[in-house]
N, C-alpha and C. Protein backbone atom coordinates (compact mmCIF):
# COMPACT_ATOMS: atom_id res chain seq x y z
N MET A 1 264.22 76.72 271.31
CA MET A 1 264.60 75.85 270.19
C MET A 1 266.10 75.54 270.28
N GLU A 2 266.45 74.29 270.11
CA GLU A 2 267.86 73.90 270.21
C GLU A 2 268.60 74.22 268.92
N ALA A 3 269.90 74.33 269.00
CA ALA A 3 270.73 74.64 267.83
C ALA A 3 270.65 73.50 266.83
N PHE A 4 270.59 73.85 265.56
CA PHE A 4 270.52 72.84 264.50
C PHE A 4 271.90 72.23 264.27
N ASN A 5 271.97 70.91 264.18
CA ASN A 5 273.23 70.22 263.91
C ASN A 5 273.37 70.07 262.39
N TRP A 6 274.13 70.98 261.79
CA TRP A 6 274.30 71.00 260.33
C TRP A 6 274.94 69.72 259.81
N GLN A 7 275.75 69.02 260.64
CA GLN A 7 276.41 67.80 260.18
C GLN A 7 275.40 66.70 259.81
N THR A 8 274.18 66.79 260.31
CA THR A 8 273.17 65.78 259.96
C THR A 8 272.79 65.86 258.48
N LEU A 9 273.15 66.96 257.80
CA LEU A 9 272.79 67.12 256.39
C LEU A 9 273.75 66.40 255.44
N VAL A 10 274.95 66.03 255.93
CA VAL A 10 275.94 65.40 255.06
C VAL A 10 275.37 64.12 254.46
N ASN A 11 275.57 63.97 253.14
CA ASN A 11 275.09 62.83 252.34
C ASN A 11 273.58 62.81 252.14
N LYS A 12 272.91 63.93 252.42
CA LYS A 12 271.46 64.01 252.20
C LYS A 12 271.18 64.68 250.85
N PRO A 13 270.10 64.28 250.17
CA PRO A 13 269.75 64.91 248.89
C PRO A 13 269.22 66.34 249.07
N VAL A 14 269.43 67.15 248.02
CA VAL A 14 269.03 68.56 248.05
C VAL A 14 268.15 68.84 246.84
N TYR A 15 267.01 69.51 247.09
CA TYR A 15 266.09 69.87 246.01
C TYR A 15 265.77 71.35 246.07
N SER A 16 265.59 71.95 244.87
CA SER A 16 265.23 73.36 244.78
C SER A 16 263.74 73.53 245.03
N SER A 17 263.31 74.78 245.12
CA SER A 17 261.88 75.06 245.39
C SER A 17 260.98 74.59 244.25
N ASP A 18 261.54 74.46 243.04
CA ASP A 18 260.74 73.99 241.90
C ASP A 18 260.95 72.49 241.63
N GLY A 19 261.53 71.79 242.61
CA GLY A 19 261.63 70.34 242.52
C GLY A 19 262.84 69.78 241.78
N LYS A 20 263.79 70.63 241.38
CA LYS A 20 264.98 70.15 240.68
C LYS A 20 265.94 69.48 241.65
N ASP A 21 266.50 68.34 241.23
CA ASP A 21 267.49 67.63 242.02
C ASP A 21 268.80 68.40 241.93
N ILE A 22 269.24 69.00 243.02
CA ILE A 22 270.46 69.81 243.03
C ILE A 22 271.68 68.94 243.30
N GLY A 23 271.53 67.89 244.07
CA GLY A 23 272.64 67.00 244.35
C GLY A 23 272.61 66.49 245.78
N VAL A 24 273.82 66.23 246.32
CA VAL A 24 273.95 65.66 247.66
C VAL A 24 274.91 66.53 248.47
N VAL A 25 274.56 66.77 249.73
CA VAL A 25 275.43 67.57 250.61
C VAL A 25 276.73 66.81 250.84
N ARG A 26 277.87 67.47 250.58
CA ARG A 26 279.19 66.84 250.75
C ARG A 26 279.96 67.40 251.93
N GLU A 27 279.70 68.67 252.27
CA GLU A 27 280.52 69.32 253.30
C GLU A 27 279.72 70.47 253.92
N ILE A 28 279.99 70.71 255.20
CA ILE A 28 279.39 71.85 255.89
C ILE A 28 280.49 72.85 256.20
N GLN A 29 280.32 74.08 255.76
CA GLN A 29 281.25 75.16 256.07
C GLN A 29 280.55 76.14 257.01
N PRO A 30 281.30 77.10 257.58
CA PRO A 30 280.67 78.01 258.54
C PRO A 30 279.41 78.72 258.02
N GLN A 31 279.42 79.17 256.78
CA GLN A 31 278.28 79.92 256.24
C GLN A 31 277.55 79.20 255.11
N LYS A 32 278.10 78.11 254.61
CA LYS A 32 277.55 77.46 253.42
C LYS A 32 277.52 75.95 253.55
N ILE A 33 276.69 75.34 252.70
CA ILE A 33 276.73 73.90 252.52
C ILE A 33 277.26 73.64 251.11
N ILE A 34 278.16 72.67 250.98
CA ILE A 34 278.72 72.32 249.69
C ILE A 34 277.97 71.10 249.17
N VAL A 35 277.42 71.25 247.95
CA VAL A 35 276.59 70.22 247.34
C VAL A 35 277.22 69.79 246.03
N SER A 36 277.28 68.48 245.77
CA SER A 36 277.80 67.99 244.49
C SER A 36 276.71 67.24 243.75
N TYR A 37 276.79 67.32 242.40
CA TYR A 37 275.82 66.65 241.55
C TYR A 37 276.56 65.98 240.40
N GLY A 38 276.38 64.69 240.25
CA GLY A 38 276.99 63.96 239.14
C GLY A 38 278.12 63.06 239.61
N PRO A 39 278.32 61.91 238.93
CA PRO A 39 279.26 60.91 239.39
C PRO A 39 280.73 61.14 239.02
N ILE A 40 281.04 61.49 237.80
CA ILE A 40 282.43 61.52 237.34
C ILE A 40 283.10 62.85 237.64
N THR A 41 282.62 63.92 237.02
CA THR A 41 283.12 65.27 237.30
C THR A 41 281.94 66.08 237.82
N PRO A 42 281.67 65.97 239.10
CA PRO A 42 280.44 66.58 239.64
C PRO A 42 280.44 68.11 239.57
N ASP A 43 279.23 68.66 239.35
CA ASP A 43 279.03 70.09 239.52
C ASP A 43 279.04 70.34 241.01
N LEU A 44 279.64 71.46 241.41
CA LEU A 44 279.69 71.81 242.83
C LEU A 44 278.97 73.12 243.08
N TYR A 45 278.25 73.16 244.18
CA TYR A 45 277.49 74.35 244.56
C TYR A 45 277.83 74.73 245.99
N ALA A 46 278.07 76.02 246.21
CA ALA A 46 278.28 76.56 247.56
C ALA A 46 277.02 77.33 247.90
N ILE A 47 276.15 76.72 248.66
CA ILE A 47 274.82 77.27 248.93
C ILE A 47 274.79 77.85 250.34
N PRO A 48 274.42 79.13 250.46
CA PRO A 48 274.35 79.73 251.80
C PRO A 48 273.37 78.96 252.69
N LYS A 49 273.73 78.81 253.95
CA LYS A 49 272.83 78.11 254.88
C LYS A 49 271.47 78.80 254.95
N SER A 50 271.44 80.11 254.73
CA SER A 50 270.17 80.85 254.79
C SER A 50 269.21 80.45 253.67
N SER A 51 269.71 79.76 252.63
CA SER A 51 268.86 79.32 251.53
C SER A 51 268.07 78.07 251.85
N MET A 52 268.45 77.37 252.93
CA MET A 52 267.74 76.15 253.29
C MET A 52 266.38 76.52 253.88
N GLU A 53 265.34 76.08 253.19
CA GLU A 53 263.99 76.39 253.64
C GLU A 53 263.46 75.34 254.61
N ASP A 54 263.82 74.06 254.35
CA ASP A 54 263.28 72.99 255.18
C ASP A 54 264.19 71.77 255.11
N PHE A 55 264.12 70.96 256.15
CA PHE A 55 264.80 69.66 256.17
C PHE A 55 263.83 68.69 256.79
N LYS A 56 263.25 67.82 255.94
CA LYS A 56 262.29 66.85 256.47
C LYS A 56 262.41 65.54 255.71
N ASP A 57 262.17 64.46 256.42
CA ASP A 57 262.24 63.10 255.87
C ASP A 57 263.59 62.86 255.18
N GLY A 58 264.67 63.44 255.74
CA GLY A 58 266.00 63.20 255.21
C GLY A 58 266.33 63.95 253.93
N VAL A 59 265.52 64.95 253.57
CA VAL A 59 265.74 65.72 252.34
C VAL A 59 265.87 67.20 252.67
N VAL A 60 266.85 67.87 252.04
CA VAL A 60 267.05 69.31 252.20
C VAL A 60 266.28 70.03 251.09
N TYR A 61 265.47 71.01 251.48
CA TYR A 61 264.71 71.81 250.51
C TYR A 61 265.20 73.25 250.56
N LEU A 62 265.48 73.81 249.36
CA LEU A 62 265.97 75.18 249.26
C LEU A 62 264.85 76.15 248.95
N ALA A 63 265.06 77.43 249.27
CA ALA A 63 264.08 78.47 248.99
C ALA A 63 264.13 78.91 247.53
N GLU A 64 265.28 78.70 246.85
CA GLU A 64 265.45 79.16 245.48
C GLU A 64 265.12 78.09 244.45
N THR A 65 264.92 78.54 243.20
CA THR A 65 264.66 77.61 242.09
C THR A 65 265.96 76.99 241.60
N GLY A 66 265.85 75.93 240.83
CA GLY A 66 267.01 75.27 240.26
C GLY A 66 267.85 76.20 239.41
N GLY A 67 267.19 77.04 238.60
CA GLY A 67 267.91 77.99 237.76
C GLY A 67 268.70 79.00 238.57
N TYR A 68 268.11 79.47 239.65
CA TYR A 68 268.80 80.43 240.52
C TYR A 68 270.04 79.79 241.14
N VAL A 69 269.89 78.58 241.63
CA VAL A 69 271.02 77.86 242.23
C VAL A 69 272.12 77.67 241.19
N GLU A 70 271.74 77.25 239.99
CA GLU A 70 272.70 77.00 238.91
C GLU A 70 273.50 78.26 238.57
N HIS A 71 272.84 79.40 238.50
CA HIS A 71 273.50 80.63 238.10
C HIS A 71 274.23 81.36 239.21
N ASN A 72 273.87 81.14 240.47
CA ASN A 72 274.42 81.93 241.56
C ASN A 72 275.34 81.19 242.51
N TYR A 73 275.21 79.87 242.59
CA TYR A 73 275.97 79.14 243.61
C TYR A 73 276.96 78.12 243.04
N LYS A 74 276.93 77.93 241.72
CA LYS A 74 277.83 76.94 241.12
C LYS A 74 279.26 77.48 241.13
N PHE A 75 280.22 76.59 241.42
CA PHE A 75 281.63 76.96 241.36
C PHE A 75 282.44 75.78 240.87
N GLU A 76 283.68 76.07 240.43
CA GLU A 76 284.55 75.01 239.91
C GLU A 76 285.52 74.59 240.99
């Protein structure tokens, strides 16, 4: 299996395991993906790469629920 190119995720939508719209990938860091949600003052999430369950049809799917992401990965 070839190495995954994480940069392909930039500007792609992100959804939680329960179908909640988490936002759009803005940046790739060594261990995390940075996701923003909202137009004016966006919520920001630092989501571990290990949380990504799937990437298909241009959409990132996470292993966790929207509530888990909100409480554990949100930062200012």
